[in-house]
Amino acid sequence: MSEPDWLTWAREMQAIAQTGLAFTQDQYDRERYIALRDLSARIFAAHTDTSAERIVALFAGETGYATPKTDVRAAVFDAEDRLLMVRETADHDRWTLPGGWADTNVTAAENAVKEVAEESGYQVTVTKLAALWDRTRQAHPNGVFSCYKLFFLCDLTGGAPATSIETSEVGWFTESDIPPDLSEGRVLPAQIRRMFDHRRNPDLPTDFE
């Protein structure tokens, strides 16, 4: 799966406009960057079910130099080499690895630990950065913004299963019984298989790209 050209171009236009608005001191240039941002929004609207006005409002909330967003995922294994997964209420109760957007003033690994506790009730320690992947290169469903996805291997240290406002179920799975109804905007079958590879062989280098 690859992204359509219109999405790549429209995303790049939005990033140019956002960065330009962050640094320009010229009123005429500012008007041009706003026009470019609005044009990007109209392109998105023409290819999706979202109105241009709503997309403009989304883009207007993005300020400063445009950089990829960061999504953190935790691959938690128990003593039986089972993988922890949760059902995400925001995506029709589909299964995924615990995780989410990285918070500020918290390291990437600390974010992984926090997300596991919040979404599953378990405590973990991070043992390895297994992968740093670009979402677009991984064939996830198309997204508006560029995104880096960080996958951390984690060991279970305590806690008990508990759902949250974000999750409706918590479960442990072997590699052969991973549920088919995955939240593929968050995690893909190939990525889960790769986490099991890293679990079996801790000396594997970190995956990237």
N, C-alpha and C. Protein backbone atom coordinates (compact mmCIF):
# COMPACT_ATOMS: atom_id res chain seq x y z
N MET A 1 0.85 -1.19 0.00
CA MET A 1 0.00 0.00 0.00
C MET A 1 0.88 1.24 0.00
N SER A 2 0.57 2.20 -0.85
CA SER A 2 1.31 3.46 -0.87
C SER A 2 0.33 4.61 -0.87
N GLU A 3 0.78 5.75 -0.41
CA GLU A 3 -0.09 6.91 -0.35
C GLU A 3 -0.32 7.48 -1.74
N PRO A 4 -1.50 8.03 -2.01
CA PRO A 4 -1.70 8.71 -3.28
C PRO A 4 -0.89 10.00 -3.34
N ASP A 5 -0.52 10.40 -4.54
CA ASP A 5 0.30 11.60 -4.69
C ASP A 5 -0.37 12.83 -4.09
N TRP A 6 -1.70 12.93 -4.25
CA TRP A 6 -2.37 14.14 -3.77
C TRP A 6 -2.18 14.30 -2.26
N LEU A 7 -2.15 13.19 -1.52
CA LEU A 7 -1.99 13.28 -0.07
C LEU A 7 -0.58 13.74 0.29
N THR A 8 0.42 13.17 -0.37
CA THR A 8 1.80 13.58 -0.12
C THR A 8 1.98 15.07 -0.42
N TRP A 9 1.45 15.52 -1.56
CA TRP A 9 1.62 16.92 -1.95
C TRP A 9 0.86 17.86 -1.02
N ALA A 10 -0.38 17.50 -0.67
CA ALA A 10 -1.19 18.36 0.19
C ALA A 10 -0.59 18.45 1.59
N ARG A 11 -0.05 17.34 2.10
CA ARG A 11 0.59 17.37 3.41
C ARG A 11 1.83 18.27 3.39
N GLU A 12 2.60 18.17 2.30
CA GLU A 12 3.79 19.01 2.19
C GLU A 12 3.42 20.49 2.08
N MET A 13 2.34 20.79 1.35
CA MET A 13 1.88 22.18 1.25
C MET A 13 1.50 22.71 2.63
N GLN A 14 0.79 21.89 3.41
CA GLN A 14 0.40 22.32 4.75
C GLN A 14 1.62 22.60 5.61
N ALA A 15 2.63 21.73 5.51
CA ALA A 15 3.84 21.91 6.32
C ALA A 15 4.59 23.18 5.92
N ILE A 16 4.68 23.44 4.62
CA ILE A 16 5.34 24.67 4.15
C ILE A 16 4.59 25.90 4.66
N ALA A 17 3.27 25.85 4.58
CA ALA A 17 2.46 26.98 5.04
C ALA A 17 2.62 27.19 6.54
N GLN A 18 2.58 26.11 7.32
CA GLN A 18 2.71 26.23 8.77
C GLN A 18 4.05 26.80 9.17
N THR A 19 5.13 26.28 8.56
CA THR A 19 6.46 26.78 8.89
C THR A 19 6.63 28.22 8.43
N GLY A 20 6.11 28.55 7.25
CA GLY A 20 6.19 29.92 6.77
C GLY A 20 5.49 30.90 7.69
N LEU A 21 4.30 30.53 8.16
CA LEU A 21 3.57 31.40 9.07
C LEU A 21 4.30 31.57 10.40
N ALA A 22 5.10 30.58 10.78
CA ALA A 22 5.82 30.66 12.05
C ALA A 22 6.97 31.65 12.00
N PHE A 23 7.51 31.90 10.80
CA PHE A 23 8.73 32.69 10.72
C PHE A 23 8.62 33.99 9.92
N THR A 24 7.61 34.11 9.09
CA THR A 24 7.55 35.31 8.26
C THR A 24 7.25 36.56 9.07
N GLN A 25 7.85 37.66 8.66
CA GLN A 25 7.57 38.96 9.26
C GLN A 25 6.84 39.87 8.26
N ASP A 26 6.58 39.35 7.09
CA ASP A 26 5.98 40.14 6.02
C ASP A 26 4.49 39.82 5.91
N GLN A 27 3.65 40.86 5.96
CA GLN A 27 2.22 40.65 5.94
C GLN A 27 1.74 40.01 4.64
N TYR A 28 2.37 40.39 3.53
CA TYR A 28 1.97 39.83 2.24
C TYR A 28 2.34 38.35 2.16
N ASP A 29 3.52 38.00 2.67
CA ASP A 29 3.90 36.59 2.71
C ASP A 29 2.95 35.80 3.62
N ARG A 30 2.56 36.41 4.71
CA ARG A 30 1.62 35.74 5.62
C ARG A 30 0.32 35.41 4.90
N GLU A 31 -0.18 36.36 4.12
CA GLU A 31 -1.41 36.12 3.37
C GLU A 31 -1.23 34.99 2.36
N ARG A 32 -0.05 34.92 1.75
CA ARG A 32 0.21 33.86 0.78
C ARG A 32 0.27 32.49 1.48
N TYR A 33 0.90 32.44 2.65
CA TYR A 33 0.98 31.16 3.37
C TYR A 33 -0.41 30.71 3.83
N ILE A 34 -1.23 31.65 4.24
CA ILE A 34 -2.60 31.29 4.62
C ILE A 34 -3.36 30.75 3.42
N ALA A 35 -3.17 31.38 2.26
CA ALA A 35 -3.82 30.91 1.04
C ALA A 35 -3.33 29.50 0.68
N LEU A 36 -2.03 29.25 0.87
CA LEU A 36 -1.49 27.93 0.60
C LEU A 36 -2.06 26.89 1.56
N ARG A 37 -2.18 27.26 2.83
CA ARG A 37 -2.78 26.36 3.82
C ARG A 37 -4.22 26.04 3.46
N ASP A 38 -4.97 27.06 3.04
CA ASP A 38 -6.37 26.84 2.68
C ASP A 38 -6.49 25.98 1.42
N LEU A 39 -5.55 26.14 0.49
CA LEU A 39 -5.56 25.31 -0.70
C LEU A 39 -5.31 23.85 -0.34
N SER A 40 -4.37 23.62 0.57
CA SER A 40 -4.12 22.26 1.04
C SER A 40 -5.38 21.66 1.67
N ALA A 41 -6.09 22.46 2.46
CA ALA A 41 -7.33 21.98 3.09
C ALA A 41 -8.38 21.62 2.05
N ARG A 42 -8.47 22.41 0.99
CA ARG A 42 -9.46 22.12 -0.06
C ARG A 42 -9.11 20.82 -0.78
N ILE A 43 -7.83 20.56 -0.95
CA ILE A 43 -7.42 19.30 -1.57
C ILE A 43 -7.81 18.12 -0.69
N PHE A 44 -7.55 18.23 0.62
CA PHE A 44 -7.96 17.18 1.54
C PHE A 44 -9.47 16.97 1.48
N ALA A 45 -10.21 18.06 1.49
CA ALA A 45 -11.67 17.97 1.49
C ALA A 45 -12.19 17.32 0.21
N ALA A 46 -11.53 17.58 -0.90
CA ALA A 46 -11.99 17.02 -2.18
C ALA A 46 -11.82 15.50 -2.24
N HIS A 47 -10.94 14.97 -1.41
CA HIS A 47 -10.67 13.54 -1.45
C HIS A 47 -11.15 12.79 -0.21
N THR A 48 -11.82 13.49 0.70
CA THR A 48 -12.30 12.86 1.93
C THR A 48 -13.73 13.30 2.19
N ASP A 49 -14.28 12.83 3.30
CA ASP A 49 -15.64 13.21 3.69
C ASP A 49 -15.67 14.36 4.68
N THR A 50 -14.54 15.04 4.86
CA THR A 50 -14.43 16.14 5.81
C THR A 50 -14.49 17.47 5.08
N SER A 51 -15.19 18.44 5.65
CA SER A 51 -15.32 19.74 5.00
C SER A 51 -14.02 20.52 5.04
N ALA A 52 -13.84 21.39 4.07
CA ALA A 52 -12.64 22.24 4.03
C ALA A 52 -12.56 23.12 5.27
N GLU A 53 -13.70 23.61 5.75
CA GLU A 53 -13.72 24.48 6.92
C GLU A 53 -13.17 23.75 8.15
N ARG A 54 -13.56 22.50 8.31
CA ARG A 54 -13.08 21.74 9.46
C ARG A 54 -11.58 21.48 9.35
N ILE A 55 -11.11 21.20 8.15
CA ILE A 55 -9.68 20.94 7.96
C ILE A 55 -8.88 22.22 8.17
N VAL A 56 -9.39 23.36 7.69
CA VAL A 56 -8.71 24.63 7.92
C VAL A 56 -8.57 24.88 9.42
N ALA A 57 -9.63 24.61 10.17
CA ALA A 57 -9.57 24.80 11.62
C ALA A 57 -8.53 23.87 12.25
N LEU A 58 -8.42 22.64 11.75
CA LEU A 58 -7.41 21.71 12.25
C LEU A 58 -6.02 22.23 11.95
N PHE A 59 -5.80 22.69 10.73
CA PHE A 59 -4.48 23.21 10.35
C PHE A 59 -4.13 24.46 11.14
N ALA A 60 -5.12 25.32 11.39
CA ALA A 60 -4.86 26.57 12.10
C ALA A 60 -4.37 26.31 13.52
N GLY A 61 -4.71 25.15 14.07
CA GLY A 61 -4.25 24.81 15.41
C GLY A 61 -2.82 24.31 15.47
N GLU A 62 -2.23 24.09 14.29
CA GLU A 62 -0.84 23.63 14.22
C GLU A 62 0.05 24.84 13.98
N THR A 63 0.91 25.15 14.92
CA THR A 63 1.78 26.33 14.80
C THR A 63 3.23 25.94 15.01
N GLY A 64 4.13 26.83 14.62
CA GLY A 64 5.55 26.57 14.76
C GLY A 64 6.08 25.77 13.58
N TYR A 65 7.35 25.42 13.65
CA TYR A 65 7.98 24.65 12.59
C TYR A 65 7.29 23.29 12.49
N ALA A 66 6.89 22.92 11.28
CA ALA A 66 6.15 21.67 11.09
C ALA A 66 7.09 20.47 11.21
N THR A 67 6.80 19.58 12.13
CA THR A 67 7.57 18.35 12.32
C THR A 67 6.61 17.17 12.45
N PRO A 68 7.10 15.94 12.25
CA PRO A 68 6.22 14.78 12.40
C PRO A 68 5.72 14.65 13.84
N LYS A 69 4.51 14.13 13.98
CA LYS A 69 3.99 13.79 15.29
C LYS A 69 4.63 12.48 15.75
N THR A 70 4.54 12.19 17.05
CA THR A 70 5.18 11.01 17.61
C THR A 70 4.14 10.13 18.32
N ASP A 71 4.04 8.89 17.86
CA ASP A 71 3.15 7.90 18.46
C ASP A 71 4.01 6.83 19.13
N VAL A 72 3.70 6.50 20.37
CA VAL A 72 4.48 5.54 21.15
C VAL A 72 3.64 4.29 21.40
N ARG A 73 4.23 3.11 21.14
CA ARG A 73 3.55 1.84 21.38
C ARG A 73 4.42 0.95 22.26
N ALA A 74 3.78 0.20 23.16
CA ALA A 74 4.48 -0.68 24.08
C ALA A 74 4.15 -2.13 23.77
N ALA A 75 5.19 -2.92 23.49
CA ALA A 75 5.04 -4.36 23.30
C ALA A 75 5.44 -5.04 24.61
N VAL A 76 4.44 -5.34 25.42
CA VAL A 76 4.67 -5.89 26.76
C VAL A 76 4.52 -7.41 26.71
N PHE A 77 5.52 -8.12 27.21
CA PHE A 77 5.47 -9.58 27.24
C PHE A 77 5.49 -10.07 28.68
N ASP A 78 4.75 -11.16 28.93
CA ASP A 78 4.77 -11.76 30.26
C ASP A 78 5.76 -12.92 30.27
N ALA A 79 5.82 -13.66 31.37
CA ALA A 79 6.78 -14.75 31.51
C ALA A 79 6.51 -15.90 30.56
N GLU A 80 5.30 -15.96 30.01
CA GLU A 80 4.94 -17.02 29.06
C GLU A 80 5.07 -16.53 27.62
N ASP A 81 5.73 -15.39 27.43
CA ASP A 81 5.94 -14.80 26.11
C ASP A 81 4.63 -14.47 25.39
N ARG A 82 3.63 -14.11 26.18
CA ARG A 82 2.38 -13.61 25.60
C ARG A 82 2.44 -12.09 25.52
N LEU A 83 1.77 -11.55 24.52
CA LEU A 83 1.80 -10.10 24.26
C LEU A 83 0.54 -9.44 24.81
N LEU A 84 0.72 -8.32 25.49
CA LEU A 84 -0.39 -7.55 26.04
C LEU A 84 -1.05 -6.70 24.95
N MET A 85 -2.38 -6.77 24.86
CA MET A 85 -3.13 -5.94 23.92
C MET A 85 -4.37 -5.39 24.59
N VAL A 86 -4.88 -4.28 24.07
CA VAL A 86 -6.08 -3.64 24.62
C VAL A 86 -7.04 -3.30 23.48
N ARG A 87 -8.31 -3.26 23.81
CA ARG A 87 -9.33 -2.82 22.85
C ARG A 87 -9.51 -1.30 22.97
N GLU A 88 -9.34 -0.58 21.87
CA GLU A 88 -9.46 0.88 21.85
C GLU A 88 -10.90 1.30 21.57
N THR A 89 -11.51 1.97 22.54
CA THR A 89 -12.89 2.40 22.35
C THR A 89 -13.01 3.44 21.24
N ALA A 90 -11.94 4.21 20.99
CA ALA A 90 -11.99 5.25 19.97
C ALA A 90 -11.98 4.67 18.56
N ASP A 91 -11.69 3.38 18.43
CA ASP A 91 -11.65 2.75 17.11
C ASP A 91 -12.50 1.49 17.10
N HIS A 92 -13.77 1.63 17.49
CA HIS A 92 -14.75 0.55 17.40
C HIS A 92 -14.30 -0.71 18.13
N ASP A 93 -13.63 -0.53 19.27
CA ASP A 93 -13.20 -1.65 20.12
C ASP A 93 -12.28 -2.62 19.39
N ARG A 94 -11.43 -2.08 18.54
CA ARG A 94 -10.44 -2.93 17.88
C ARG A 94 -9.19 -3.05 18.77
N TRP A 95 -8.45 -4.13 18.55
CA TRP A 95 -7.29 -4.44 19.39
C TRP A 95 -6.04 -3.69 18.92
N THR A 96 -5.19 -3.32 19.87
CA THR A 96 -3.92 -2.66 19.56
C THR A 96 -2.95 -2.86 20.72
N LEU A 97 -1.72 -2.45 20.51
CA LEU A 97 -0.77 -2.37 21.62
C LEU A 97 -1.06 -1.11 22.42
N PRO A 98 -0.88 -1.12 23.73
CA PRO A 98 -1.07 0.10 24.50
C PRO A 98 -0.17 1.21 23.96
N GLY A 99 -0.70 2.42 23.93
CA GLY A 99 0.11 3.54 23.45
C GLY A 99 -0.74 4.72 23.06
N GLY A 100 -0.08 5.71 22.45
CA GLY A 100 -0.78 6.92 22.02
C GLY A 100 0.21 8.01 21.68
N TRP A 101 -0.31 9.23 21.48
CA TRP A 101 0.55 10.36 21.19
C TRP A 101 1.47 10.64 22.37
N ALA A 102 2.72 10.96 22.09
CA ALA A 102 3.69 11.25 23.15
C ALA A 102 3.37 12.59 23.81
N ASP A 103 3.44 12.62 25.13
CA ASP A 103 3.23 13.86 25.89
C ASP A 103 4.55 14.62 26.03
N THR A 104 4.43 15.92 26.22
CA THR A 104 5.61 16.74 26.43
C THR A 104 6.15 16.56 27.85
N ASN A 105 7.43 16.90 28.03
CA ASN A 105 8.12 16.82 29.32
C ASN A 105 8.20 15.40 29.88
N VAL A 106 8.01 14.42 29.01
CA VAL A 106 8.13 13.01 29.39
C VAL A 106 8.94 12.33 28.29
N THR A 107 9.90 11.50 28.67
CA THR A 107 10.68 10.82 27.64
C THR A 107 9.81 9.83 26.89
N ALA A 108 10.30 9.40 25.73
CA ALA A 108 9.53 8.44 24.93
C ALA A 108 9.29 7.15 25.71
N ALA A 109 10.31 6.65 26.40
CA ALA A 109 10.15 5.43 27.18
C ALA A 109 9.18 5.63 28.34
N GLU A 110 9.26 6.79 29.00
CA GLU A 110 8.32 7.09 30.08
C GLU A 110 6.89 7.17 29.56
N ASN A 111 6.72 7.69 28.35
CA ASN A 111 5.40 7.71 27.75
C ASN A 111 4.86 6.29 27.58
N ALA A 112 5.71 5.37 27.14
CA ALA A 112 5.28 3.99 26.95
C ALA A 112 4.81 3.38 28.28
N VAL A 113 5.58 3.59 29.33
CA VAL A 113 5.22 3.07 30.65
C VAL A 113 3.89 3.67 31.11
N LYS A 114 3.73 4.97 30.92
CA LYS A 114 2.51 5.65 31.36
C LYS A 114 1.29 5.14 30.59
N GLU A 115 1.43 4.96 29.29
CA GLU A 115 0.30 4.51 28.47
C GLU A 115 -0.14 3.11 28.88
N VAL A 116 0.82 2.23 29.18
CA VAL A 116 0.47 0.88 29.60
C VAL A 116 -0.34 0.93 30.90
N ALA A 117 0.13 1.72 31.86
CA ALA A 117 -0.58 1.82 33.14
C ALA A 117 -1.98 2.37 32.96
N GLU A 118 -2.11 3.42 32.13
CA GLU A 118 -3.40 4.07 31.95
C GLU A 118 -4.39 3.18 31.19
N GLU A 119 -3.91 2.45 30.22
CA GLU A 119 -4.82 1.71 29.34
C GLU A 119 -5.04 0.26 29.75
N SER A 120 -4.13 -0.31 30.55
CA SER A 120 -4.27 -1.73 30.87
C SER A 120 -4.24 -2.05 32.37
N GLY A 121 -3.72 -1.13 33.19
CA GLY A 121 -3.61 -1.38 34.62
C GLY A 121 -2.31 -2.03 35.05
N TYR A 122 -1.44 -2.36 34.09
CA TYR A 122 -0.20 -3.04 34.42
C TYR A 122 0.97 -2.06 34.56
N GLN A 123 1.98 -2.49 35.35
CA GLN A 123 3.24 -1.75 35.45
C GLN A 123 4.32 -2.50 34.66
N VAL A 124 5.16 -1.74 33.97
CA VAL A 124 6.18 -2.36 33.13
C VAL A 124 7.47 -1.57 33.21
N THR A 125 8.54 -2.20 32.76
CA THR A 125 9.80 -1.52 32.53
C THR A 125 10.17 -1.68 31.06
N VAL A 126 10.73 -0.63 30.49
CA VAL A 126 11.15 -0.67 29.10
C VAL A 126 12.53 -1.31 29.00
N THR A 127 12.70 -2.23 28.06
CA THR A 127 13.98 -2.92 27.89
C THR A 127 14.67 -2.57 26.58
N LYS A 128 13.91 -2.07 25.60
CA LYS A 128 14.54 -1.87 24.28
C LYS A 128 13.63 -1.02 23.39
N LEU A 129 14.26 -0.13 22.62
CA LEU A 129 13.57 0.51 21.50
C LEU A 129 13.66 -0.46 20.32
N ALA A 130 12.58 -1.15 20.01
CA ALA A 130 12.60 -2.18 18.97
C ALA A 130 12.48 -1.59 17.58
N ALA A 131 11.73 -0.50 17.44
CA ALA A 131 11.51 0.06 16.10
C ALA A 131 11.16 1.53 16.16
N LEU A 132 11.62 2.26 15.16
CA LEU A 132 11.22 3.65 14.94
C LEU A 132 10.85 3.74 13.47
N TRP A 133 9.55 3.70 13.21
CA TRP A 133 9.05 3.61 11.84
C TRP A 133 8.28 4.87 11.45
N ASP A 134 8.40 5.23 10.19
CA ASP A 134 7.57 6.28 9.62
C ASP A 134 6.22 5.66 9.26
N ARG A 135 5.14 6.27 9.72
CA ARG A 135 3.81 5.69 9.51
C ARG A 135 3.51 5.46 8.03
N THR A 136 3.89 6.42 7.19
CA THR A 136 3.60 6.30 5.76
C THR A 136 4.30 5.09 5.15
N ARG A 137 5.54 4.83 5.55
CA ARG A 137 6.31 3.72 4.98
C ARG A 137 5.81 2.36 5.46
N GLN A 138 4.96 2.36 6.48
CA GLN A 138 4.49 1.10 7.06
C GLN A 138 3.13 0.66 6.55
N ALA A 139 2.56 1.41 5.62
CA ALA A 139 1.27 1.04 5.01
C ALA A 139 0.09 1.11 5.98
N HIS A 140 0.18 2.00 6.96
CA HIS A 140 -0.99 2.28 7.78
C HIS A 140 -2.03 3.03 6.94
N PRO A 141 -3.28 3.07 7.38
CA PRO A 141 -4.25 3.93 6.70
C PRO A 141 -3.74 5.36 6.63
N ASN A 142 -4.10 6.06 5.58
CA ASN A 142 -3.59 7.41 5.35
C ASN A 142 -3.94 8.35 6.49
N GLY A 143 -2.99 9.24 6.83
CA GLY A 143 -3.21 10.23 7.88
C GLY A 143 -2.94 11.62 7.37
N VAL A 144 -3.51 12.61 8.04
CA VAL A 144 -3.33 14.00 7.61
C VAL A 144 -1.88 14.45 7.83
N PHE A 145 -1.33 14.14 9.00
CA PHE A 145 -0.01 14.62 9.35
C PHE A 145 1.03 13.50 9.26
N SER A 146 2.28 13.90 9.03
CA SER A 146 3.38 12.95 9.08
C SER A 146 3.55 12.47 10.52
N CYS A 147 3.97 11.21 10.68
CA CYS A 147 4.03 10.64 12.03
C CYS A 147 5.15 9.62 12.13
N TYR A 148 5.91 9.68 13.24
CA TYR A 148 6.87 8.65 13.60
C TYR A 148 6.25 7.75 14.66
N LYS A 149 6.46 6.43 14.52
CA LYS A 149 5.91 5.47 15.48
C LYS A 149 7.07 4.76 16.17
N LEU A 150 7.11 4.87 17.50
CA LEU A 150 8.16 4.25 18.30
C LEU A 150 7.58 3.04 19.02
N PHE A 151 8.21 1.88 18.84
CA PHE A 151 7.77 0.64 19.48
C PHE A 151 8.82 0.21 20.51
N PHE A 152 8.40 0.11 21.78
CA PHE A 152 9.30 -0.29 22.86
C PHE A 152 8.94 -1.70 23.35
N LEU A 153 9.95 -2.54 23.53
CA LEU A 153 9.76 -3.81 24.22
C LEU A 153 9.75 -3.55 25.72
N CYS A 154 8.81 -4.19 26.40
CA CYS A 154 8.66 -3.97 27.84
C CYS A 154 8.47 -5.30 28.57
N ASP A 155 8.96 -5.34 29.81
CA ASP A 155 8.74 -6.49 30.69
C ASP A 155 7.68 -6.13 31.73
N LEU A 156 6.83 -7.09 32.02
CA LEU A 156 5.80 -6.91 33.04
C LEU A 156 6.42 -6.96 34.43
N THR A 157 6.06 -5.97 35.27
CA THR A 157 6.60 -5.93 36.64
C THR A 157 5.53 -5.96 37.71
N GLY A 158 4.28 -5.71 37.36
CA GLY A 158 3.23 -5.72 38.37
C GLY A 158 1.92 -5.22 37.83
N GLY A 159 0.99 -4.98 38.75
CA GLY A 159 -0.32 -4.46 38.36
C GLY A 159 -1.33 -5.56 38.12
N ALA A 160 -2.51 -5.16 37.69
CA ALA A 160 -3.60 -6.08 37.41
C ALA A 160 -4.42 -5.50 36.26
N PRO A 161 -5.10 -6.35 35.49
CA PRO A 161 -5.85 -5.84 34.34
C PRO A 161 -6.95 -4.87 34.76
N ALA A 162 -7.00 -3.74 34.08
CA ALA A 162 -8.01 -2.72 34.36
C ALA A 162 -8.25 -1.91 33.10
N THR A 163 -9.50 -1.76 32.71
CA THR A 163 -9.83 -0.94 31.55
C THR A 163 -9.89 0.52 31.95
N SER A 164 -10.06 1.39 30.95
CA SER A 164 -10.10 2.83 31.20
C SER A 164 -11.12 3.46 30.26
N ILE A 165 -11.18 4.79 30.24
CA ILE A 165 -12.09 5.46 29.31
C ILE A 165 -11.65 5.25 27.86
N GLU A 166 -10.40 4.82 27.67
CA GLU A 166 -9.87 4.59 26.32
C GLU A 166 -9.95 3.13 25.89
N THR A 167 -10.12 2.22 26.85
CA THR A 167 -10.07 0.79 26.53
C THR A 167 -11.26 0.06 27.14
N SER A 168 -11.69 -0.99 26.43
CA SER A 168 -12.84 -1.76 26.91
C SER A 168 -12.49 -3.18 27.31
N GLU A 169 -11.26 -3.62 26.97
CA GLU A 169 -10.84 -4.98 27.31
C GLU A 169 -9.31 -5.05 27.30
N VAL A 170 -8.79 -5.92 28.14
CA VAL A 170 -7.35 -6.15 28.24
C VAL A 170 -7.11 -7.65 28.07
N GLY A 171 -6.11 -8.02 27.26
CA GLY A 171 -5.87 -9.45 27.05
C GLY A 171 -4.42 -9.76 26.73
N TRP A 172 -4.08 -11.04 26.92
CA TRP A 172 -2.74 -11.55 26.61
C TRP A 172 -2.85 -12.57 25.48
N PHE A 173 -1.92 -12.48 24.50
CA PHE A 173 -2.04 -13.32 23.31
C PHE A 173 -0.68 -13.91 22.92
N THR A 174 -0.72 -15.17 22.49
CA THR A 174 0.46 -15.77 21.88
C THR A 174 0.53 -15.31 20.43
N GLU A 175 1.66 -15.59 19.79
CA GLU A 175 1.84 -15.15 18.40
C GLU A 175 0.83 -15.80 17.47
N SER A 176 0.38 -16.98 17.80
CA SER A 176 -0.55 -17.70 16.92
C SER A 176 -2.01 -17.33 17.12
N ASP A 177 -2.31 -16.57 18.16
CA ASP A 177 -3.73 -16.23 18.38
C ASP A 177 -3.96 -14.72 18.49
N ILE A 178 -3.17 -13.92 17.77
CA ILE A 178 -3.40 -12.48 17.73
C ILE A 178 -4.78 -12.22 17.12
N PRO A 179 -5.60 -11.40 17.74
CA PRO A 179 -6.96 -11.17 17.22
C PRO A 179 -6.92 -10.52 15.84
N PRO A 180 -7.85 -10.89 14.96
CA PRO A 180 -7.84 -10.36 13.60
C PRO A 180 -8.35 -8.93 13.49
N ASP A 181 -9.17 -8.51 14.45
CA ASP A 181 -9.78 -7.17 14.36
C ASP A 181 -8.84 -6.14 15.00
N LEU A 182 -7.76 -5.83 14.28
CA LEU A 182 -6.77 -4.89 14.77
C LEU A 182 -7.13 -3.45 14.40
N SER A 183 -6.72 -2.53 15.25
CA SER A 183 -6.82 -1.10 14.95
C SER A 183 -5.61 -0.74 14.09
N GLU A 184 -5.75 -0.87 12.77
CA GLU A 184 -4.58 -0.78 11.89
C GLU A 184 -4.06 0.64 11.73
N GLY A 185 -4.79 1.63 12.20
CA GLY A 185 -4.22 2.97 12.28
C GLY A 185 -3.17 3.05 13.37
N ARG A 186 -3.20 2.10 14.30
CA ARG A 186 -2.28 2.09 15.43
C ARG A 186 -1.20 1.01 15.30
N VAL A 187 -1.59 -0.18 14.86
CA VAL A 187 -0.62 -1.27 14.77
C VAL A 187 -1.03 -2.22 13.64
N LEU A 188 -0.03 -2.79 12.98
CA LEU A 188 -0.25 -3.70 11.86
C LEU A 188 0.19 -5.11 12.22
N PRO A 189 -0.37 -6.13 11.56
CA PRO A 189 0.04 -7.51 11.84
C PRO A 189 1.55 -7.72 11.71
N ALA A 190 2.16 -7.14 10.67
CA ALA A 190 3.59 -7.32 10.48
C ALA A 190 4.40 -6.71 11.62
N GLN A 191 3.92 -5.61 12.17
CA GLN A 191 4.61 -4.98 13.29
C GLN A 191 4.53 -5.85 14.54
N ILE A 192 3.38 -6.48 14.76
CA ILE A 192 3.24 -7.38 15.89
C ILE A 192 4.18 -8.58 15.74
N ARG A 193 4.22 -9.14 14.53
CA ARG A 193 5.14 -10.26 14.30
C ARG A 193 6.59 -9.84 14.58
N ARG A 194 6.93 -8.61 14.21
CA ARG A 194 8.30 -8.14 14.43
C ARG A 194 8.60 -7.99 15.91
N MET A 195 7.61 -7.63 16.71
CA MET A 195 7.83 -7.53 18.15
C MET A 195 8.13 -8.91 18.74
N PHE A 196 7.47 -9.94 18.24
CA PHE A 196 7.79 -11.29 18.70
C PHE A 196 9.21 -11.68 18.27
N ASP A 197 9.64 -11.25 17.08
CA ASP A 197 11.02 -11.49 16.66
C ASP A 197 12.01 -10.88 17.65
N HIS A 198 11.73 -9.64 18.04
CA HIS A 198 12.62 -8.96 18.99
C HIS A 198 12.59 -9.62 20.35
N ARG A 199 11.44 -10.15 20.73
CA ARG A 199 11.34 -10.85 22.01
C ARG A 199 12.20 -12.12 22.00
N ARG A 200 12.15 -12.86 20.89
CA ARG A 200 12.92 -14.10 20.79
C ARG A 200 14.42 -13.82 20.66
N ASN A 201 14.75 -12.71 20.02
CA ASN A 201 16.16 -12.39 19.79
C ASN A 201 16.44 -10.96 20.24
N PRO A 202 16.77 -10.77 21.51
CA PRO A 202 16.98 -9.41 22.03
C PRO A 202 18.14 -8.67 21.38
N ASP A 203 19.02 -9.40 20.69
CA ASP A 203 20.17 -8.75 20.06
C ASP A 203 19.86 -8.17 18.68
N LEU A 204 18.65 -8.33 18.21
CA LEU A 204 18.28 -7.71 16.94
C LEU A 204 18.46 -6.19 17.02
N PRO A 205 18.99 -5.57 15.98
CA PRO A 205 19.11 -4.11 16.01
C PRO A 205 17.73 -3.45 15.91
N THR A 206 17.66 -2.21 16.33
CA THR A 206 16.42 -1.45 16.22
C THR A 206 16.05 -1.26 14.75
N ASP A 207 14.78 -1.55 14.43
CA ASP A 207 14.29 -1.32 13.06
C ASP A 207 14.00 0.17 12.86
N PHE A 208 14.19 0.63 11.65
CA PHE A 208 13.85 2.02 11.35
C PHE A 208 13.43 2.15 9.90
N GLU A 209 12.86 3.33 9.60
CA GLU A 209 12.31 3.68 8.29
C GLU A 209 10.93 3.08 8.10
